[in-house]
Amino acid sequence: MNAIRCKKILFLMLLSACALPFVGTAPALIAGIIFSLLLKNPWPQKSADFSHKLLQLSVVGLGFGLSLGQVWMVGKNSIRYTIIGICLTLLVGLFLGRLFKTENKTSTLIAFGTAICGGSAIAAMSPVIKAKDDEAALALATVFTLNSVALLAFPFFGHLLHLSQQQFGIWAGLAIHDTSSVVGAAAAYGPTALAIGTTVKLTRAIWIVPFVMGAAWLSKSEEKVRVPLFILGFIGAATLRSLLPQFAPVWTGLAAVAKQALVVTLFLIGAGLTKEILKNVGIRPLAQGISLWLLTSSLTLMAILKGLIS
């Protein structure tokens, strides 16, 4: 048996293991990263495509674990500080981009990805501001690297500071870039944190649409802006659970499957972090991304601890 076949078999074995209910989000992500850095992902493009689709399906499935009333209450309560947080993050991010002399479009994408929804926001904004492929790739690599760190670091500091599940869910939903890492970190912290973190995060993600539309109007771009369908799917799943409560065991089962599917997704996302990506993350974009992320995370956490956000 040659080395390539052995590598593929090992990859599939690890991927399958992540579907087991006792495997958590952090071990899956770490396993994916270690495999990629040591052996290289045998199917990089297929893994990336599949993880993107599986993440969206997982988020929709998590909606079956919540009632529409829960989604509405958390979303309604988080709108005010979500808008304030997005605007401040964008302004500070652009300032830091100038401070570190990051290329203008890359700086804009890093700030936008940090403020709203990581890779999804960057992908939506890139064609509107006419960013080149390498500029978008650089922003994605920066945000992707920090996402991996966040998924591991947030639960550690949450336990260290004795945050309640509600506090942690709000913190993760507001301060972590990408949906996958928000859900992964919140799932590792607890079911209440998962419900709150996912809803707060998706409330943030909705703002991709008006901000991209505004950027398109300012730049006179004709690019069409689409509402992320997985957000509508999440709300639809919660609505279905609320309208048909007699099937609660079914909805709970689907939510459990979705949660484990997220673990599989995080293994695939970790397997996408290659040496080339790490090498391509330049000092200036990384300095901007880290500074903005640390500011966003620490200030949000302070506001939560002082009761300004609840």
Protein backbone atom coordinates (compact mmCIF):
# COMPACT_ATOMS: atom_id res chain seq x y z
CA MET A 1 0.00 0.00 0.00
CA ASN A 2 1.59 3.28 -1.10
CA ALA A 3 1.95 6.40 1.03
CA ILE A 4 -0.78 8.37 -0.77
CA ARG A 5 -3.37 5.64 -0.23
CA CYS A 6 -2.39 5.34 3.45
CA LYS A 7 -2.78 9.09 3.84
CA LYS A 8 -6.24 9.01 2.28
CA ILE A 9 -7.35 6.11 4.49
CA LEU A 10 -6.09 7.88 7.63
CA PHE A 11 -7.88 11.08 6.60
CA LEU A 12 -11.16 9.19 6.11
CA MET A 13 -10.74 7.37 9.43
CA LEU A 14 -10.25 10.66 11.30
CA LEU A 15 -13.17 12.21 9.44
CA SER A 16 -15.39 9.28 10.37
CA ALA A 17 -14.24 9.41 14.00
CA CYS A 18 -15.43 13.02 14.19
CA ALA A 19 -18.97 11.80 13.57
CA LEU A 20 -18.90 9.86 16.86
CA PRO A 21 -20.88 11.58 19.66
CA PHE A 22 -18.02 11.63 22.17
CA VAL A 23 -15.71 13.64 19.88
CA GLY A 24 -15.86 17.39 20.51
CA THR A 25 -15.23 20.47 18.41
CA ALA A 26 -11.77 21.40 19.69
CA PRO A 27 -10.21 17.89 19.22
CA ALA A 28 -11.69 17.75 15.69
CA LEU A 29 -10.21 21.13 14.74
CA ILE A 30 -6.81 20.28 16.22
CA ALA A 31 -6.77 16.89 14.47
CA GLY A 32 -7.54 18.55 11.15
CA ILE A 33 -4.82 21.17 11.57
CA ILE A 34 -2.17 18.63 12.64
CA PHE A 35 -3.05 16.29 9.77
CA SER A 36 -2.86 19.12 7.24
CA LEU A 37 0.44 20.54 8.49
CA LEU A 38 2.15 17.15 8.81
CA LEU A 39 0.68 15.11 5.95
CA LYS A 40 -1.30 17.56 3.76
CA ASN A 41 -4.97 17.23 2.98
CA PRO A 42 -5.36 14.71 0.11
CA TRP A 43 -8.55 16.41 -1.12
CA PRO A 44 -8.13 20.15 -0.36
CA GLN A 45 -10.69 21.54 -2.83
CA LYS A 46 -13.33 18.88 -2.20
CA SER A 47 -12.87 19.28 1.57
CA ALA A 48 -13.32 23.05 1.31
CA ASP A 49 -16.47 22.75 -0.80
CA PHE A 50 -17.98 20.04 1.39
CA SER A 51 -17.18 21.84 4.66
CA HIS A 52 -18.88 25.00 3.36
CA LYS A 53 -22.08 23.11 2.52
CA LEU A 54 -21.99 21.00 5.67
CA LEU A 55 -21.55 24.09 7.85
CA GLN A 56 -24.65 25.69 6.37
CA LEU A 57 -26.68 22.50 6.84
CA SER A 58 -25.40 22.21 10.42
CA VAL A 59 -26.48 25.75 11.24
CA VAL A 60 -29.93 25.07 9.78
CA GLY A 61 -30.14 21.85 11.82
CA LEU A 62 -29.24 23.67 15.02
CA GLY A 63 -32.40 25.72 14.53
CA PHE A 64 -34.44 22.61 15.35
CA GLY A 65 -33.08 22.82 18.89
CA LEU A 66 -34.64 26.24 19.53
CA SER A 67 -38.13 27.65 19.61
CA LEU A 68 -38.96 30.65 17.48
CA GLY A 69 -39.58 32.61 20.70
CA GLN A 70 -36.01 31.95 21.88
CA VAL A 71 -34.58 33.03 18.52
CA TRP A 72 -36.71 36.20 18.55
CA MET A 73 -35.83 37.18 22.13
CA VAL A 74 -32.07 36.68 21.71
CA GLY A 75 -32.04 38.31 18.28
CA LYS A 76 -34.13 41.28 19.44
CA ASN A 77 -32.01 41.86 22.53
CA SER A 78 -28.75 41.67 20.59
CA ILE A 79 -29.65 44.00 17.69
CA ARG A 80 -28.64 47.21 19.46
CA TYR A 81 -25.15 46.21 20.54
CA THR A 82 -24.66 44.20 17.33
CA ILE A 83 -25.07 47.33 15.21
CA ILE A 84 -22.87 49.40 17.53
CA GLY A 85 -20.22 46.67 17.57
CA ILE A 86 -20.18 46.30 13.77
CA CYS A 87 -19.80 50.04 13.16
CA LEU A 88 -17.06 50.48 15.78
CA THR A 89 -15.18 47.40 14.57
CA LEU A 90 -15.25 48.65 10.98
CA LEU A 91 -13.99 52.10 11.95
CA VAL A 92 -11.23 50.79 14.22
CA GLY A 93 -10.30 48.12 11.68
CA LEU A 94 -9.85 50.66 8.89
CA PHE A 95 -7.81 52.88 11.23
CA LEU A 96 -5.55 49.95 12.16
CA GLY A 97 -5.18 49.12 8.48
CA ARG A 98 -3.77 52.58 7.88
CA LEU A 99 -1.64 52.37 11.00
CA PHE A 100 -0.05 49.10 9.88
CA LYS A 101 -0.04 50.20 6.22
CA THR A 102 -2.04 47.21 5.06
CA GLU A 103 -3.09 47.37 1.40
CA ASN A 104 -6.40 49.25 1.23
CA LYS A 105 -8.73 46.53 -0.11
CA THR A 106 -7.18 43.81 2.03
CA SER A 107 -7.59 46.09 5.04
CA THR A 108 -11.26 46.69 4.19
CA LEU A 109 -11.93 42.96 3.87
CA ILE A 110 -10.19 42.13 7.17
CA ALA A 111 -12.20 44.84 8.97
CA PHE A 112 -15.46 43.71 7.35
CA GLY A 113 -14.78 40.03 8.04
CA THR A 114 -13.99 40.74 11.69
CA ALA A 115 -17.00 43.01 12.14
CA ILE A 116 -19.66 40.74 10.68
CA CYS A 117 -19.19 37.17 9.57
CA GLY A 118 -15.64 36.17 8.67
CA GLY A 119 -15.31 34.33 5.37
CA SER A 120 -18.94 34.86 4.31
CA ALA A 121 -18.63 38.62 4.71
CA ILE A 122 -15.30 38.71 2.87
CA ALA A 123 -16.71 36.64 0.00
CA ALA A 124 -19.74 38.95 -0.26
CA MET A 125 -17.74 42.18 -0.14
CA SER A 126 -14.81 41.19 -2.41
CA PRO A 127 -16.57 41.58 -5.79
CA VAL A 128 -18.26 44.80 -4.70
CA ILE A 129 -14.97 46.59 -3.95
CA LYS A 130 -13.34 44.77 -6.90
CA ALA A 131 -10.72 43.09 -4.73
CA LYS A 132 -8.22 40.87 -6.55
CA ASP A 133 -8.08 37.16 -5.78
CA ASP A 134 -4.83 37.50 -3.86
CA GLU A 135 -6.23 40.37 -1.75
CA ALA A 136 -9.31 38.34 -0.83
CA ALA A 137 -7.16 35.26 -0.17
CA LEU A 138 -4.91 37.24 2.15
CA ALA A 139 -7.87 38.56 4.15
CA LEU A 140 -9.41 35.08 4.31
CA ALA A 141 -6.12 33.54 5.46
CA THR A 142 -5.78 36.13 8.23
CA VAL A 143 -9.34 35.69 9.49
CA PHE A 144 -9.17 31.90 9.09
CA THR A 145 -6.03 31.65 11.20
CA LEU A 146 -7.52 33.78 13.98
CA ASN A 147 -10.75 31.77 13.85
CA SER A 148 -8.81 28.61 14.66
CA VAL A 149 -7.17 30.30 17.62
CA ALA A 150 -10.51 31.68 18.85
CA LEU A 151 -12.21 28.30 18.88
CA LEU A 152 -9.59 26.99 21.28
CA ALA A 153 -8.92 30.15 23.31
CA PHE A 154 -12.45 31.38 24.05
CA PRO A 155 -13.66 28.36 26.08
CA PHE A 156 -10.40 28.43 28.06
CA PHE A 157 -10.80 32.08 29.06
CA GLY A 158 -14.54 31.64 29.57
CA HIS A 159 -13.92 28.96 32.20
CA LEU A 160 -11.02 30.93 33.65
CA LEU A 161 -13.28 33.94 34.21
CA HIS A 162 -16.24 31.78 35.30
CA LEU A 163 -18.54 33.19 32.62
CA SER A 164 -22.09 31.91 32.66
CA GLN A 165 -23.30 30.12 29.55
CA GLN A 166 -25.38 33.16 28.62
CA GLN A 167 -22.38 35.48 28.99
CA PHE A 168 -20.15 33.18 26.99
CA GLY A 169 -22.73 32.75 24.22
CA ILE A 170 -23.05 36.53 23.82
CA TRP A 171 -19.26 36.99 23.92
CA ALA A 172 -18.62 34.28 21.32
CA GLY A 173 -21.43 35.52 19.08
CA LEU A 174 -20.14 39.10 19.12
CA ALA A 175 -16.38 38.62 19.16
CA ILE A 176 -15.52 35.58 17.03
CA HIS A 177 -15.29 36.11 13.27
CA ASP A 178 -16.79 33.07 11.58
CA THR A 179 -20.02 31.15 12.21
CA SER A 180 -18.19 27.81 12.39
CA SER A 181 -15.89 28.95 15.20
CA VAL A 182 -18.70 30.68 17.11
CA VAL A 183 -20.81 27.54 17.05
CA GLY A 184 -17.80 25.33 17.76
CA ALA A 185 -16.63 27.35 20.77
CA ALA A 186 -20.17 27.75 22.14
CA ALA A 187 -20.92 24.03 21.70
CA ALA A 188 -17.83 23.20 23.73
CA TYR A 189 -19.05 25.52 26.51
CA GLY A 190 -22.61 24.25 26.87
CA PRO A 191 -26.08 23.96 25.29
CA THR A 192 -27.30 27.36 26.46
CA ALA A 193 -24.12 29.02 25.20
CA LEU A 194 -24.63 27.24 21.87
CA ALA A 195 -28.22 28.47 21.49
CA ILE A 196 -27.37 32.07 22.39
CA GLY A 197 -24.06 32.19 20.51
CA THR A 198 -25.59 30.84 17.29
CA THR A 199 -28.53 33.25 17.38
CA VAL A 200 -26.36 36.30 18.17
CA LYS A 201 -23.95 35.32 15.42
CA LEU A 202 -26.68 34.89 12.82
CA THR A 203 -28.13 38.25 13.87
CA ARG A 204 -24.71 39.69 13.02
CA ALA A 205 -24.55 37.79 9.73
CA ILE A 206 -27.82 39.33 8.51
CA TRP A 207 -26.03 42.68 8.41
CA ILE A 208 -23.86 41.44 5.54
CA VAL A 209 -26.70 42.44 3.21
CA PRO A 210 -27.25 46.13 4.11
CA PHE A 211 -23.54 46.84 4.51
CA VAL A 212 -22.63 45.25 1.17
CA MET A 213 -25.55 47.08 -0.48
CA GLY A 214 -24.23 50.34 1.00
CA ALA A 215 -20.73 49.62 -0.28
CA ALA A 216 -22.13 48.76 -3.71
CA TRP A 217 -24.06 52.03 -3.80
CA LEU A 218 -21.02 54.08 -2.77
CA SER A 219 -18.74 52.37 -5.29
CA LYS A 220 -21.47 52.30 -7.99
CA SER A 221 -21.03 48.55 -8.28
CA GLU A 222 -23.66 46.45 -10.06
CA GLU A 223 -22.91 43.29 -8.07
CA LYS A 224 -26.05 41.61 -6.71
CA VAL A 225 -26.29 41.08 -2.95
CA ARG A 226 -27.86 37.85 -1.72
CA VAL A 227 -29.30 37.04 1.69
CA PRO A 228 -27.39 34.07 3.22
CA LEU A 229 -29.94 31.27 2.80
CA PHE A 230 -28.71 29.28 5.81
CA ILE A 231 -29.94 32.09 8.08
CA LEU A 232 -33.44 31.75 6.64
CA GLY A 233 -33.12 27.97 7.04
CA PHE A 234 -32.19 28.36 10.71
CA ILE A 235 -35.25 30.53 11.35
CA GLY A 236 -37.42 28.12 9.35
CA ALA A 237 -36.23 25.16 11.45
CA ALA A 238 -37.01 27.01 14.70
CA THR A 239 -40.43 27.93 13.30
CA LEU A 240 -41.16 24.30 12.45
CA ARG A 241 -40.26 23.21 15.98
CA SER A 242 -42.56 25.86 17.42
CA LEU A 243 -45.50 25.00 15.16
CA LEU A 244 -45.22 21.23 15.65
CA PRO A 245 -44.16 20.73 19.29
CA GLN A 246 -45.58 17.20 19.29
CA PHE A 247 -42.58 16.11 17.24
CA ALA A 248 -40.11 17.49 19.81
CA PRO A 249 -38.09 14.22 19.99
CA VAL A 250 -37.57 14.38 16.22
CA TRP A 251 -36.46 18.01 16.30
CA THR A 252 -34.13 17.34 19.24
CA GLY A 253 -32.61 14.42 17.33
CA LEU A 254 -32.05 16.53 14.23
CA ALA A 255 -30.38 19.24 16.35
CA ALA A 256 -28.07 16.60 17.89
CA VAL A 257 -27.12 15.32 14.43
CA ALA A 258 -26.45 18.90 13.31
CA LYS A 259 -24.22 19.51 16.31
CA GLN A 260 -22.11 16.45 15.50
CA ALA A 261 -22.04 17.40 11.82
CA LEU A 262 -20.45 20.65 12.96
CA VAL A 263 -17.64 18.62 14.58
CA VAL A 264 -17.01 16.95 11.20
CA THR A 265 -17.08 20.40 9.57
CA LEU A 266 -14.43 21.71 11.96
CA PHE A 267 -12.12 18.79 11.16
CA LEU A 268 -12.42 19.69 7.47
CA ILE A 269 -11.86 23.38 8.22
CA GLY A 270 -8.78 22.53 10.27
CA ALA A 271 -7.51 20.35 7.41
CA GLY A 272 -7.70 23.44 5.21
CA LEU A 273 -5.11 25.34 7.24
CA THR A 274 -1.99 24.64 5.21
CA LYS A 275 1.63 25.75 5.47
CA GLU A 276 1.05 27.83 2.33
CA ILE A 277 -1.80 29.74 3.99
CA LEU A 278 0.31 30.45 7.06
CA LYS A 279 3.20 31.53 4.83
CA ASN A 280 0.96 33.87 2.82
CA VAL A 281 -0.37 35.69 5.87
CA GLY A 282 1.80 38.77 5.78
CA ILE A 283 3.04 40.65 8.83
CA ARG A 284 0.96 43.79 8.19
CA PRO A 285 -2.43 42.09 7.60
CA LEU A 286 -1.77 39.73 10.51
CA ALA A 287 -0.85 42.63 12.81
CA GLN A 288 -4.03 44.44 11.78
CA GLY A 289 -6.16 41.31 12.22
CA ILE A 290 -4.71 40.35 15.61
CA SER A 291 -4.92 43.91 16.98
CA LEU A 292 -8.51 44.34 15.84
CA TRP A 293 -9.52 40.91 17.15
CA LEU A 294 -7.92 41.47 20.57
CA LEU A 295 -9.56 44.88 20.90
CA THR A 296 -12.97 43.55 19.86
CA SER A 297 -12.74 40.51 22.14
CA SER A 298 -11.45 42.32 25.22
CA LEU A 299 -13.79 45.33 25.00
CA THR A 300 -16.81 43.08 24.39
CA LEU A 301 -15.82 40.91 27.34
CA MET A 302 -15.40 43.97 29.59
CA ALA A 303 -18.83 45.24 28.59
CA ILE A 304 -20.39 41.85 29.38
CA LEU A 305 -18.66 41.57 32.76
CA LYS A 306 -19.78 45.09 33.70
CA GLY A 307 -23.35 44.33 32.69
CA LEU A 308 -23.43 46.78 29.78
CA ILE A 309 -24.26 43.86 27.46
CA SER A 310 -26.58 41.14 28.70
